[in-house]
């Protein structure tokens, strides 16, 4: 899958172990897990490959994050999530975003942020 980062800061956090450690306050385990998740996203053919992996806990976000989804950086116990958005071939968000209908075809994902979005 192709990954499109919202901004260069997010890309650095997701691709540099040093930047990931900084994001997680020096937590090497979380930093390595983030890079591993990003690698898994890159290696997936379509987003459905990620949805079908239970450890990722792919889930829909609501409220001001409507149309966005999240996966766990490490596990359900950790509050950190990778916030992503399925994008069409023009790298634009799907309107409306019915993930059940598009999961088998989405090959581009926008990485919006890595955060504790529940806090």
PDB file of N, CA and C in Angstrom:
ATOM      1  N   UNK A   1       0.841  -1.174   0.000  1.00  0.00           N
ATOM      2  CA  UNK A   1       0.000   0.000   0.000  1.00  0.00           C
ATOM      3  C   UNK A   1       0.889   1.241   0.000  1.00  0.00           C
ATOM      4  N   UNK A   2       0.376   2.279  -0.597  1.00  0.00           N
ATOM      5  CA  UNK A   2       1.096   3.555  -0.600  1.00  0.00           C
ATOM      6  C   UNK A   2       0.655   4.357   0.620  1.00  0.00           C
ATOM      7  N   UNK A   3       1.634   4.948   1.322  1.00  0.00           N
ATOM      8  CA  UNK A   3       1.325   5.782   2.477  1.00  0.00           C
ATOM      9  C   UNK A   3       1.592   7.234   2.128  1.00  0.00           C
ATOM     10  N   UNK A   4       0.633   8.092   2.475  1.00  0.00           N
ATOM     11  CA  UNK A   4       0.746   9.524   2.250  1.00  0.00           C
ATOM     12  C   UNK A   4       0.654  10.177   3.631  1.00  0.00           C
ATOM     13  N   UNK A   5       1.695  10.896   4.013  1.00  0.00           N
ATOM     14  CA  UNK A   5       1.723  11.506   5.347  1.00  0.00           C
ATOM     15  C   UNK A   5       1.143  12.907   5.308  1.00  0.00           C
ATOM     16  N   UNK A   6       0.390  13.245   6.352  1.00  0.00           N
ATOM     17  CA  UNK A   6      -0.253  14.556   6.436  1.00  0.00           C
ATOM     18  C   UNK A   6       0.786  15.674   6.398  1.00  0.00           C
ATOM     19  N   UNK A   7       1.894  15.452   7.092  1.00  0.00           N
ATOM     20  CA  UNK A   7       2.969  16.447   7.118  1.00  0.00           C
ATOM     21  C   UNK A   7       4.301  15.755   7.373  1.00  0.00           C
ATOM     22  N   UNK A   8       5.386  16.457   7.112  1.00  0.00           N
ATOM     23  CA  UNK A   8       6.711  15.853   7.235  1.00  0.00           C
ATOM     24  C   UNK A   8       7.017  15.427   8.670  1.00  0.00           C
ATOM     25  N   UNK A   9       6.486  16.133   9.647  1.00  0.00           N
ATOM     26  CA  UNK A   9       6.713  15.774  11.057  1.00  0.00           C
ATOM     27  C   UNK A   9       6.171  14.368  11.339  1.00  0.00           C
ATOM     28  N   UNK A  10       4.981  14.092  10.840  1.00  0.00           N
ATOM     29  CA  UNK A  10       4.362  12.775  11.034  1.00  0.00           C
ATOM     30  C   UNK A  10       5.184  11.709  10.310  1.00  0.00           C
ATOM     31  N   UNK A  11       5.651  12.025   9.112  1.00  0.00           N
ATOM     32  CA  UNK A  11       6.463  11.071   8.354  1.00  0.00           C
ATOM     33  C   UNK A  11       7.751  10.729   9.109  1.00  0.00           C
ATOM     34  N   UNK A  12       8.399  11.735   9.673  1.00  0.00           N
ATOM     35  CA  UNK A  12       9.630  11.496  10.434  1.00  0.00           C
ATOM     36  C   UNK A  12       9.362  10.618  11.649  1.00  0.00           C
ATOM     37  N   UNK A  13       8.255  10.885  12.349  1.00  0.00           N
ATOM     38  CA  UNK A  13       7.903  10.092  13.525  1.00  0.00           C
ATOM     39  C   UNK A  13       7.675   8.629  13.150  1.00  0.00           C
ATOM     40  N   UNK A  14       7.142   8.396  11.955  1.00  0.00           N
ATOM     41  CA  UNK A  14       6.782   7.045  11.520  1.00  0.00           C
ATOM     42  C   UNK A  14       7.906   6.307  10.799  1.00  0.00           C
ATOM     43  N   UNK A  15       8.973   6.999  10.446  1.00  0.00           N
ATOM     44  CA  UNK A  15      10.029   6.357   9.664  1.00  0.00           C
ATOM     45  C   UNK A  15      11.405   6.423  10.317  1.00  0.00           C
ATOM     46  N   UNK A  16      11.549   7.213  11.365  1.00  0.00           N
ATOM     47  CA  UNK A  16      12.836   7.356  12.046  1.00  0.00           C
ATOM     48  C   UNK A  16      12.713   6.844  13.482  1.00  0.00           C
ATOM     49  N   UNK A  17      13.545   5.875  13.829  1.00  0.00           N
ATOM     50  CA  UNK A  17      13.515   5.339  15.186  1.00  0.00           C
ATOM     51  C   UNK A  17      13.816   6.430  16.210  1.00  0.00           C
ATOM     52  N   UNK A  18      14.737   7.310  15.870  1.00  0.00           N
ATOM     53  CA  UNK A  18      15.096   8.419  16.766  1.00  0.00           C
ATOM     54  C   UNK A  18      13.893   9.334  17.013  1.00  0.00           C
ATOM     55  N   UNK A  19      13.192   9.712  15.943  1.00  0.00           N
ATOM     56  CA  UNK A  19      12.017  10.585  16.074  1.00  0.00           C
ATOM     57  C   UNK A  19      10.867   9.873  16.790  1.00  0.00           C
ATOM     58  N   UNK A  20      10.709   8.579  16.530  1.00  0.00           N
ATOM     59  CA  UNK A  20       9.656   7.814  17.205  1.00  0.00           C
ATOM     60  C   UNK A  20       9.926   7.747  18.704  1.00  0.00           C
ATOM     61  N   UNK A  21      11.192   7.511  19.074  1.00  0.00           N
ATOM     62  CA  UNK A  21      11.548   7.491  20.504  1.00  0.00           C
ATOM     63  C   UNK A  21      11.223   8.823  21.157  1.00  0.00           C
ATOM     64  N   UNK A  22      11.532   9.905  20.434  1.00  0.00           N
ATOM     65  CA  UNK A  22      11.253  11.245  20.963  1.00  0.00           C
ATOM     66  C   UNK A  22       9.749  11.421  21.204  1.00  0.00           C
ATOM     67  N   UNK A  23       8.943  10.960  20.248  1.00  0.00           N
ATOM     68  CA  UNK A  23       7.486  11.052  20.356  1.00  0.00           C
ATOM     69  C   UNK A  23       6.978  10.319  21.598  1.00  0.00           C
ATOM     70  N   UNK A  24       7.558   9.156  21.877  1.00  0.00           N
ATOM     71  CA  UNK A  24       7.104   8.325  22.996  1.00  0.00           C
ATOM     72  C   UNK A  24       7.916   8.535  24.266  1.00  0.00           C
ATOM     73  N   UNK A  25       8.593   9.654  24.369  1.00  0.00           N
ATOM     74  CA  UNK A  25       9.330   9.968  25.591  1.00  0.00           C
ATOM     75  C   UNK A  25      10.438   8.979  25.900  1.00  0.00           C
ATOM     76  N   UNK A  26      11.078   8.468  24.852  1.00  0.00           N
ATOM     77  CA  UNK A  26      12.192   7.553  25.036  1.00  0.00           C
ATOM     78  C   UNK A  26      11.809   6.085  25.105  1.00  0.00           C
ATOM     79  N   UNK A  27      10.533   5.772  24.994  1.00  0.00           N
ATOM     80  CA  UNK A  27      10.076   4.380  25.072  1.00  0.00           C
ATOM     81  C   UNK A  27      10.455   3.643  23.777  1.00  0.00           C
ATOM     82  N   UNK A  28      11.511   2.826  23.871  1.00  0.00           N
ATOM     83  CA  UNK A  28      12.022   2.118  22.698  1.00  0.00           C
ATOM     84  C   UNK A  28      11.036   1.080  22.179  1.00  0.00           C
ATOM     85  N   UNK A  29      10.340   0.425  23.076  1.00  0.00           N
ATOM     86  CA  UNK A  29       9.381  -0.613  22.687  1.00  0.00           C
ATOM     87  C   UNK A  29       8.248  -0.035  21.833  1.00  0.00           C
ATOM     88  N   UNK A  30       7.685   1.092  22.256  1.00  0.00           N
ATOM     89  CA  UNK A  30       6.622   1.747  21.474  1.00  0.00           C
ATOM     90  C   UNK A  30       7.174   2.245  20.141  1.00  0.00           C
ATOM     91  N   UNK A  31       8.368   2.797  20.154  1.00  0.00           N
ATOM     92  CA  UNK A  31       8.975   3.324  18.924  1.00  0.00           C
ATOM     93  C   UNK A  31       9.165   2.206  17.902  1.00  0.00           C
ATOM     94  N   UNK A  32       9.678   1.087  18.335  1.00  0.00           N
ATOM     95  CA  UNK A  32       9.898  -0.044  17.420  1.00  0.00           C
ATOM     96  C   UNK A  32       8.558  -0.611  16.916  1.00  0.00           C
ATOM     97  N   UNK A  33       7.575  -0.633  17.788  1.00  0.00           N
ATOM     98  CA  UNK A  33       6.261  -1.123  17.395  1.00  0.00           C
ATOM     99  C   UNK A  33       5.638  -0.215  16.333  1.00  0.00           C
ATOM    100  N   UNK A  34       5.799   1.098  16.493  1.00  0.00           N
ATOM    101  CA  UNK A  34       5.278   2.042  15.500  1.00  0.00           C
ATOM    102  C   UNK A  34       5.904   1.783  14.130  1.00  0.00           C
ATOM    103  N   UNK A  35       7.225   1.662  14.084  1.00  0.00           N
ATOM    104  CA  UNK A  35       7.887   1.413  12.813  1.00  0.00           C
ATOM    105  C   UNK A  35       7.465   0.074  12.210  1.00  0.00           C
ATOM    106  N   UNK A  36       7.218  -0.899  13.055  1.00  0.00           N
ATOM    107  CA  UNK A  36       6.748  -2.199  12.585  1.00  0.00           C
ATOM    108  C   UNK A  36       5.346  -2.091  11.975  1.00  0.00           C
ATOM    109  N   UNK A  37       4.463  -1.337  12.630  1.00  0.00           N
ATOM    110  CA  UNK A  37       3.094  -1.149  12.108  1.00  0.00           C
ATOM    111  C   UNK A  37       3.134  -0.432  10.765  1.00  0.00           C
ATOM    112  N   UNK A  38       3.966   0.589  10.658  1.00  0.00           N
ATOM    113  CA  UNK A  38       4.087   1.332   9.404  1.00  0.00           C
ATOM    114  C   UNK A  38       4.591   0.398   8.305  1.00  0.00           C
ATOM    115  N   UNK A  39       5.545  -0.442   8.641  1.00  0.00           N
ATOM    116  CA  UNK A  39       6.072  -1.413   7.681  1.00  0.00           C
ATOM    117  C   UNK A  39       4.966  -2.380   7.239  1.00  0.00           C
ATOM    118  N   UNK A  40       4.131  -2.808   8.174  1.00  0.00           N
ATOM    119  CA  UNK A  40       3.014  -3.701   7.838  1.00  0.00           C
ATOM    120  C   UNK A  40       2.027  -3.007   6.901  1.00  0.00           C
ATOM    121  N   UNK A  41       1.765  -1.719   7.156  1.00  0.00           N
ATOM    122  CA  UNK A  41       0.872  -0.962   6.268  1.00  0.00           C
ATOM    123  C   UNK A  41       1.454  -0.904   4.855  1.00  0.00           C
ATOM    124  N   UNK A  42       2.748  -0.615   4.753  1.00  0.00           N
ATOM    125  CA  UNK A  42       3.406  -0.523   3.450  1.00  0.00           C
ATOM    126  C   UNK A  42       3.326  -1.856   2.700  1.00  0.00           C
ATOM    127  N   UNK A  43       3.477  -2.957   3.428  1.00  0.00           N
ATOM    128  CA  UNK A  43       3.512  -4.282   2.802  1.00  0.00           C
ATOM    129  C   UNK A  43       2.138  -4.854   2.478  1.00  0.00           C
ATOM    130  N   UNK A  44       1.083  -4.245   3.010  1.00  0.00           N
ATOM    131  CA  UNK A  44      -0.271  -4.716   2.716  1.00  0.00           C
ATOM    132  C   UNK A  44      -0.632  -4.349   1.275  1.00  0.00           C
ATOM    133  N   UNK A  45      -1.407  -5.207   0.635  1.00  0.00           N
ATOM    134  CA  UNK A  45      -1.861  -4.908  -0.732  1.00  0.00           C
ATOM    135  C   UNK A  45      -2.996  -3.894  -0.704  1.00  0.00           C
ATOM    136  N   UNK A  46      -3.969  -4.156   0.176  1.00  0.00           N
ATOM    137  CA  UNK A  46      -5.133  -3.270   0.358  1.00  0.00           C
ATOM    138  C   UNK A  46      -5.415  -3.136   1.846  1.00  0.00           C
ATOM    139  N   UNK A  47      -6.233  -2.164   2.203  1.00  0.00           N
ATOM    140  CA  UNK A  47      -6.503  -1.908   3.619  1.00  0.00           C
ATOM    141  C   UNK A  47      -7.208  -3.083   4.306  1.00  0.00           C
ATOM    142  N   UNK A  48      -7.901  -3.890   3.529  1.00  0.00           N
ATOM    143  CA  UNK A  48      -8.568  -5.060   4.101  1.00  0.00           C
ATOM    144  C   UNK A  48      -7.560  -5.998   4.770  1.00  0.00           C
ATOM    145  N   UNK A  49      -6.333  -6.056   4.248  1.00  0.00           N
ATOM    146  CA  UNK A  49      -5.286  -6.885   4.857  1.00  0.00           C
ATOM    147  C   UNK A  49      -5.007  -6.443   6.293  1.00  0.00           C
ATOM    148  N   UNK A  50      -5.103  -5.157   6.551  1.00  0.00           N
ATOM    149  CA  UNK A  50      -4.875  -4.608   7.895  1.00  0.00           C
ATOM    150  C   UNK A  50      -6.102  -4.844   8.769  1.00  0.00           C
ATOM    151  N   UNK A  51      -7.276  -4.622   8.205  1.00  0.00           N
ATOM    152  CA  UNK A  51      -8.528  -4.808   8.946  1.00  0.00           C
ATOM    153  C   UNK A  51      -8.623  -6.236   9.484  1.00  0.00           C
ATOM    154  N   UNK A  52      -8.154  -7.196   8.715  1.00  0.00           N
ATOM    155  CA  UNK A  52      -8.265  -8.606   9.097  1.00  0.00           C
ATOM    156  C   UNK A  52      -7.224  -9.068  10.111  1.00  0.00           C
ATOM    157  N   UNK A  53      -6.331  -8.180  10.532  1.00  0.00           N
ATOM    158  CA  UNK A  53      -5.302  -8.542  11.506  1.00  0.00           C
ATOM    159  C   UNK A  53      -5.742  -8.095  12.903  1.00  0.00           C
ATOM    160  N   UNK A  54      -6.258  -9.011  13.723  1.00  0.00           N
ATOM    161  CA  UNK A  54      -6.778  -8.643  15.051  1.00  0.00           C
ATOM    162  C   UNK A  54      -5.833  -7.824  15.931  1.00  0.00           C
ATOM    163  N   UNK A  55      -4.515  -8.081  15.955  1.00  0.00           N
ATOM    164  CA  UNK A  55      -3.650  -7.291  16.842  1.00  0.00           C
ATOM    165  C   UNK A  55      -3.633  -5.793  16.514  1.00  0.00           C
ATOM    166  N   UNK A  56      -3.997  -5.437  15.283  1.00  0.00           N
ATOM    167  CA  UNK A  56      -3.998  -4.024  14.902  1.00  0.00           C
ATOM    168  C   UNK A  56      -5.206  -3.288  15.469  1.00  0.00           C
ATOM    169  N   UNK A  57      -6.260  -4.004  15.787  1.00  0.00           N
ATOM    170  CA  UNK A  57      -7.509  -3.424  16.289  1.00  0.00           C
ATOM    171  C   UNK A  57      -7.946  -2.228  15.436  1.00  0.00           C
ATOM    172  N   UNK A  58      -8.138  -2.459  14.154  1.00  0.00           N
ATOM    173  CA  UNK A  58      -8.611  -1.428  13.227  1.00  0.00           C
ATOM    174  C   UNK A  58     -10.008  -1.010  13.648  1.00  0.00           C
ATOM    175  N   UNK A  59     -10.217   0.285  13.882  1.00  0.00           N
ATOM    176  CA  UNK A  59     -11.546   0.733  14.279  1.00  0.00           C
ATOM    177  C   UNK A  59     -11.845   2.131  13.746  1.00  0.00           C
ATOM    178  N   UNK A  60     -13.146   2.354  13.559  1.00  0.00           N
ATOM    179  CA  UNK A  60     -13.661   3.610  13.031  1.00  0.00           C
ATOM    180  C   UNK A  60     -13.677   4.662  14.138  1.00  0.00           C
ATOM    181  N   UNK A  61     -13.370   5.894  13.761  1.00  0.00           N
ATOM    182  CA  UNK A  61     -13.445   7.009  14.710  1.00  0.00           C
ATOM    183  C   UNK A  61     -14.712   7.806  14.435  1.00  0.00           C
ATOM    184  N   UNK A  62     -15.178   8.489  15.447  1.00  0.00           N
ATOM    185  CA  UNK A  62     -16.427   9.248  15.322  1.00  0.00           C
ATOM    186  C   UNK A  62     -16.232  10.689  15.742  1.00  0.00           C
ATOM    187  N   UNK A  63     -17.309  11.435  15.708  1.00  0.00           N
ATOM    188  CA  UNK A  63     -17.271  12.840  16.106  1.00  0.00           C
ATOM    189  C   UNK A  63     -16.487  13.667  15.104  1.00  0.00           C
ATOM    190  N   UNK A  64     -15.521  14.462  15.609  1.00  0.00           N
ATOM    191  CA  UNK A  64     -14.726  15.312  14.715  1.00  0.00           C
ATOM    192  C   UNK A  64     -13.729  14.505  13.884  1.00  0.00           C
ATOM    193  N   UNK A  65     -13.635  13.210  14.136  1.00  0.00           N
ATOM    194  CA  UNK A  65     -12.738  12.333  13.377  1.00  0.00           C
ATOM    195  C   UNK A  65     -13.524  11.398  12.442  1.00  0.00           C
ATOM    196  N   UNK A  66     -14.744  11.788  12.092  1.00  0.00           N
ATOM    197  CA  UNK A  66     -15.570  11.009  11.159  1.00  0.00           C
ATOM    198  C   UNK A  66     -14.814  10.823   9.843  1.00  0.00           C
ATOM    199  N   UNK A  67     -14.805   9.596   9.323  1.00  0.00           N
ATOM    200  CA  UNK A  67     -14.085   9.299   8.090  1.00  0.00           C
ATOM    201  C   UNK A  67     -12.651   8.844   8.325  1.00  0.00           C
ATOM    202  N   UNK A  68     -12.226   8.882   9.601  1.00  0.00           N
ATOM    203  CA  UNK A  68     -10.892   8.430   9.968  1.00  0.00           C
ATOM    204  C   UNK A  68     -10.997   7.109  10.713  1.00  0.00           C
ATOM    205  N   UNK A  69      -9.873   6.399  10.730  1.00  0.00           N
ATOM    206  CA  UNK A  69      -9.798   5.119  11.420  1.00  0.00           C
ATOM    207  C   UNK A  69      -8.518   5.103  12.234  1.00  0.00           C
ATOM    208  N   UNK A  70      -8.414   4.142  13.137  1.00  0.00           N
ATOM    209  CA  UNK A  70      -7.207   4.043  13.956  1.00  0.00           C
ATOM    210  C   UNK A  70      -6.783   2.589  14.091  1.00  0.00           C
ATOM    211  N   UNK A  71      -5.480   2.411  14.255  1.00  0.00           N
ATOM    212  CA  UNK A  71      -4.947   1.107  14.629  1.00  0.00           C
ATOM    213  C   UNK A  71      -4.040   1.321  15.836  1.00  0.00           C
ATOM    214  N   UNK A  72      -3.908   0.287  16.647  1.00  0.00           N
ATOM    215  CA  UNK A  72      -3.053   0.371  17.827  1.00  0.00           C
ATOM    216  C   UNK A  72      -1.593   0.448  17.409  1.00  0.00           C
ATOM    217  N   UNK A  73      -0.827   1.275  18.116  1.00  0.00           N
ATOM    218  CA  UNK A  73       0.611   1.310  17.881  1.00  0.00           C
ATOM    219  C   UNK A  73       1.227   0.022  18.414  1.00  0.00           C
ATOM    220  N   UNK A  74       0.791  -0.399  19.604  1.00  0.00           N
ATOM    221  CA  UNK A  74       1.352  -1.612  20.188  1.00  0.00           C
ATOM    222  C   UNK A  74       0.268  -2.594  20.621  1.00  0.00           C
ATOM    223  N   UNK A  75      -0.634  -2.130  21.495  1.00  0.00           N
ATOM    224  CA  UNK A  75      -1.690  -3.020  21.996  1.00  0.00           C
ATOM    225  C   UNK A  75      -2.862  -2.191  22.500  1.00  0.00           C
ATOM    226  N   UNK A  76      -3.930  -2.864  22.886  1.00  0.00           N
ATOM    227  CA  UNK A  76      -5.107  -2.176  23.422  1.00  0.00           C
ATOM    228  C   UNK A  76      -4.778  -1.485  24.742  1.00  0.00           C
ATOM    229  N   UNK A  77      -3.820  -2.029  25.472  1.00  0.00           N
ATOM    230  CA  UNK A  77      -3.477  -1.455  26.789  1.00  0.00           C
ATOM    231  C   UNK A  77      -2.775  -0.114  26.676  1.00  0.00           C
ATOM    232  N   UNK A  78      -2.070   0.103  25.570  1.00  0.00           N
ATOM    233  CA  UNK A  78      -1.389   1.380  25.362  1.00  0.00           C
ATOM    234  C   UNK A  78      -2.351   2.352  24.691  1.00  0.00           C
ATOM    235  N   UNK A  79      -2.315   3.619  25.093  1.00  0.00           N
ATOM    236  CA  UNK A  79      -3.271   4.592  24.525  1.00  0.00           C
ATOM    237  C   UNK A  79      -2.894   5.109  23.136  1.00  0.00           C
ATOM    238  N   UNK A  80      -1.726   4.758  22.618  1.00  0.00           N
ATOM    239  CA  UNK A  80      -1.253   5.319  21.351  1.00  0.00           C
ATOM    240  C   UNK A  80      -1.897   4.655  20.145  1.00  0.00           C
ATOM    241  N   UNK A  81      -2.333   5.472  19.187  1.00  0.00           N
ATOM    242  CA  UNK A  81      -2.969   4.993  17.966  1.00  0.00           C
ATOM    243  C   UNK A  81      -2.374   5.711  16.744  1.00  0.00           C
ATOM    244  N   UNK A  82      -2.392   5.001  15.626  1.00  0.00           N
ATOM    245  CA  UNK A  82      -2.049   5.608  14.337  1.00  0.00           C
ATOM    246  C   UNK A  82      -3.383   5.969  13.690  1.00  0.00           C
ATOM    247  N   UNK A  83      -3.581   7.244  13.447  1.00  0.00           N
ATOM    248  CA  UNK A  83      -4.826   7.724  12.838  1.00  0.00           C
ATOM    249  C   UNK A  83      -4.618   7.755  11.328  1.00  0.00           C
ATOM    250  N   UNK A  84      -5.498   7.057  10.619  1.00  0.00           N
ATOM    251  CA  UNK A  84      -5.350   6.989   9.168  1.00  0.00           C
ATOM    252  C   UNK A  84      -6.660   7.240   8.448  1.00  0.00           C
ATOM    253  N   UNK A  85      -6.528   7.496   7.161  1.00  0.00           N
ATOM    254  CA  UNK A  85      -7.689   7.806   6.320  1.00  0.00           C
ATOM    255  C   UNK A  85      -7.519   7.134   4.960  1.00  0.00           C
ATOM    256  N   UNK A  86      -8.486   6.308   4.555  1.00  0.00           N
ATOM    257  CA  UNK A  86      -8.421   5.702   3.218  1.00  0.00           C
ATOM    258  C   UNK A  86      -8.526   6.797   2.147  1.00  0.00           C
ATOM    259  N   UNK A  87      -7.678   6.683   1.121  1.00  0.00           N
ATOM    260  CA  UNK A  87      -7.678   7.667   0.048  1.00  0.00           C
ATOM    261  C   UNK A  87      -7.919   6.963  -1.293  1.00  0.00           C
ATOM    262  N   UNK A  88      -8.577   7.677  -2.208  1.00  0.00           N
ATOM    263  CA  UNK A  88      -8.828   7.103  -3.536  1.00  0.00           C
ATOM    264  C   UNK A  88      -7.591   7.266  -4.419  1.00  0.00           C
ATOM    265  N   UNK A  89      -7.687   6.857  -5.675  1.00  0.00           N
ATOM    266  CA  UNK A  89      -6.530   6.908  -6.573  1.00  0.00           C
ATOM    267  C   UNK A  89      -6.032   8.325  -6.822  1.00  0.00           C
ATOM    268  N   UNK A  90      -6.850   9.332  -6.534  1.00  0.00           N
ATOM    269  CA  UNK A  90      -6.437  10.737  -6.660  1.00  0.00           C
ATOM    270  C   UNK A  90      -5.897  11.289  -5.341  1.00  0.00           C
ATOM    271  N   UNK A  91      -5.724  10.385  -4.372  1.00  0.00           N
ATOM    272  CA  UNK A  91      -5.221  10.730  -3.026  1.00  0.00           C
ATOM    273  C   UNK A  91      -6.152  11.695  -2.302  1.00  0.00           C
ATOM    274  N   UNK A  92      -7.458  11.490  -2.522  1.00  0.00           N
ATOM    275  CA  UNK A  92      -8.481  12.284  -1.850  1.00  0.00           C
ATOM    276  C   UNK A  92      -9.329  11.354  -0.984  1.00  0.00           C
ATOM    277  N   UNK A  93      -9.885  11.872   0.116  1.00  0.00           N
ATOM    278  CA  UNK A  93     -10.723  11.034   0.992  1.00  0.00           C
ATOM    279  C   UNK A  93     -11.982  10.559   0.276  1.00  0.00           C
ATOM    280  N   UNK A  94     -12.433   9.387   0.657  1.00  0.00           N
ATOM    281  CA  UNK A  94     -13.690   8.870   0.124  1.00  0.00           C
ATOM    282  C   UNK A  94     -14.852   9.619   0.771  1.00  0.00           C
ATOM    283  N   UNK A  95     -15.843   9.996  -0.033  1.00  0.00           N
ATOM    284  CA  UNK A  95     -17.045  10.665   0.462  1.00  0.00           C
ATOM    285  C   UNK A  95     -18.258   9.941  -0.088  1.00  0.00           C
ATOM    286  N   UNK A  96     -19.068   9.279   0.690  1.00  0.00           N
ATOM    287  CA  UNK A  96     -18.832   8.926   2.097  1.00  0.00           C
ATOM    288  C   UNK A  96     -17.827   7.782   2.174  1.00  0.00           C
ATOM    289  N   UNK A  97     -17.306   7.558   3.355  1.00  0.00           N
ATOM    290  CA  UNK A  97     -16.288   6.526   3.549  1.00  0.00           C
ATOM    291  C   UNK A  97     -16.930   5.270   4.140  1.00  0.00           C
ATOM    292  N   UNK A  98     -17.473   4.425   3.281  1.00  0.00           N
ATOM    293  CA  UNK A  98     -18.073   3.155   3.711  1.00  0.00           C
ATOM    294  C   UNK A  98     -17.003   2.075   3.629  1.00  0.00           C
ATOM    295  N   UNK A  99     -16.283   1.884   4.716  1.00  0.00           N
ATOM    296  CA  UNK A  99     -15.111   1.004   4.713  1.00  0.00           C
ATOM    297  C   UNK A  99     -15.450  -0.414   4.272  1.00  0.00           C
ATOM    298  N   UNK A 100     -16.640  -0.904   4.612  1.00  0.00           N
ATOM    299  CA  UNK A 100     -17.013  -2.265   4.219  1.00  0.00           C
ATOM    300  C   UNK A 100     -17.073  -2.427   2.702  1.00  0.00           C
ATOM    301  N   UNK A 101     -17.421  -1.362   2.004  1.00  0.00           N
ATOM    302  CA  UNK A 101     -17.546  -1.410   0.549  1.00  0.00           C
ATOM    303  C   UNK A 101     -16.209  -1.203  -0.169  1.00  0.00           C
ATOM    304  N   UNK A 102     -15.297  -0.446   0.443  1.00  0.00           N
ATOM    305  CA  UNK A 102     -14.057  -0.074  -0.248  1.00  0.00           C
ATOM    306  C   UNK A 102     -12.819  -0.813   0.238  1.00  0.00           C
ATOM    307  N   UNK A 103     -12.913  -1.563   1.324  1.00  0.00           N
ATOM    308  CA  UNK A 103     -11.738  -2.185   1.958  1.00  0.00           C
ATOM    309  C   UNK A 103     -10.914  -3.042   1.008  1.00  0.00           C
ATOM    310  N   UNK A 104     -11.564  -3.705   0.077  1.00  0.00           N
ATOM    311  CA  UNK A 104     -10.842  -4.575  -0.844  1.00  0.00           C
ATOM    312  C   UNK A 104     -10.144  -3.866  -1.984  1.00  0.00           C
ATOM    313  N   UNK A 105     -10.355  -2.547  -2.094  1.00  0.00           N
ATOM    314  CA  UNK A 105      -9.756  -1.806  -3.208  1.00  0.00           C
ATOM    315  C   UNK A 105      -8.830  -0.669  -2.778  1.00  0.00           C
ATOM    316  N   UNK A 106      -8.900  -0.232  -1.526  1.00  0.00           N
ATOM    317  CA  UNK A 106      -8.087   0.905  -1.063  1.00  0.00           C
ATOM    318  C   UNK A 106      -6.606   0.522  -1.019  1.00  0.00           C
ATOM    319  N   UNK A 107      -5.797   1.199  -1.850  1.00  0.00           N
ATOM    320  CA  UNK A 107      -4.363   0.939  -1.904  1.00  0.00           C
ATOM    321  C   UNK A 107      -3.535   2.140  -1.459  1.00  0.00           C
ATOM    322  N   UNK A 108      -4.211   3.215  -1.069  1.00  0.00           N
ATOM    323  CA  UNK A 108      -3.527   4.424  -0.605  1.00  0.00           C
ATOM    324  C   UNK A 108      -4.149   4.821   0.734  1.00  0.00           C
ATOM    325  N   UNK A 109      -3.279   5.072   1.716  1.00  0.00           N
ATOM    326  CA  UNK A 109      -3.760   5.447   3.044  1.00  0.00           C
ATOM    327  C   UNK A 109      -3.029   6.701   3.498  1.00  0.00           C
ATOM    328  N   UNK A 110      -3.792   7.656   4.009  1.00  0.00           N
ATOM    329  CA  UNK A 110      -3.207   8.856   4.583  1.00  0.00           C
ATOM    330  C   UNK A 110      -2.918   8.618   6.050  1.00  0.00           C
ATOM    331  N   UNK A 111      -1.683   8.872   6.459  1.00  0.00           N
ATOM    332  CA  UNK A 111      -1.313   8.778   7.874  1.00  0.00           C
ATOM    333  C   UNK A 111      -1.443  10.194   8.428  1.00  0.00           C
ATOM    334  N   UNK A 112      -2.454  10.402   9.252  1.00  0.00           N
ATOM    335  CA  UNK A 112      -2.766  11.744   9.728  1.00  0.00           C
ATOM    336  C   UNK A 112      -1.950  12.142  10.962  1.00  0.00           C
ATOM    337  N   UNK A 113      -1.857  11.202  11.918  1.00  0.00           N
ATOM    338  CA  UNK A 113      -1.111  11.502  13.146  1.00  0.00           C
ATOM    339  C   UNK A 113      -0.907  10.217  13.934  1.00  0.00           C
ATOM    340  N   UNK A 114       0.002  10.311  14.889  1.00  0.00           N
ATOM    341  CA  UNK A 114       0.182   9.257  15.881  1.00  0.00           C
ATOM    342  C   UNK A 114      -0.081   9.950  17.201  1.00  0.00           C
ATOM    343  N   UNK A 115      -1.119   9.500  17.909  1.00  0.00           N
ATOM    344  CA  UNK A 115      -1.516  10.234  19.116  1.00  0.00           C
ATOM    345  C   UNK A 115      -2.280   9.348  20.088  1.00  0.00           C
ATOM    346  N   UNK A 116      -2.520   9.936  21.239  1.00  0.00           N
ATOM    347  CA  UNK A 116      -3.398   9.326  22.234  1.00  0.00           C
ATOM    348  C   UNK A 116      -4.755   9.996  22.022  1.00  0.00           C
ATOM    349  N   UNK A 117      -5.451   9.650  20.957  1.00  0.00           N
ATOM    350  CA  UNK A 117      -6.628  10.421  20.546  1.00  0.00           C
ATOM    351  C   UNK A 117      -7.804  10.294  21.504  1.00  0.00           C
ATOM    352  N   UNK A 118      -7.742   9.384  22.463  1.00  0.00           N
ATOM    353  CA  UNK A 118      -8.835   9.269  23.435  1.00  0.00           C
ATOM    354  C   UNK A 118      -8.655  10.229  24.608  1.00  0.00           C
ATOM    355  N   UNK A 119      -7.493  10.840  24.705  1.00  0.00           N
ATOM    356  CA  UNK A 119      -7.240  11.747  25.839  1.00  0.00           C
ATOM    357  C   UNK A 119      -7.630  13.170  25.502  1.00  0.00           C
TER     358      UNK A 119
END
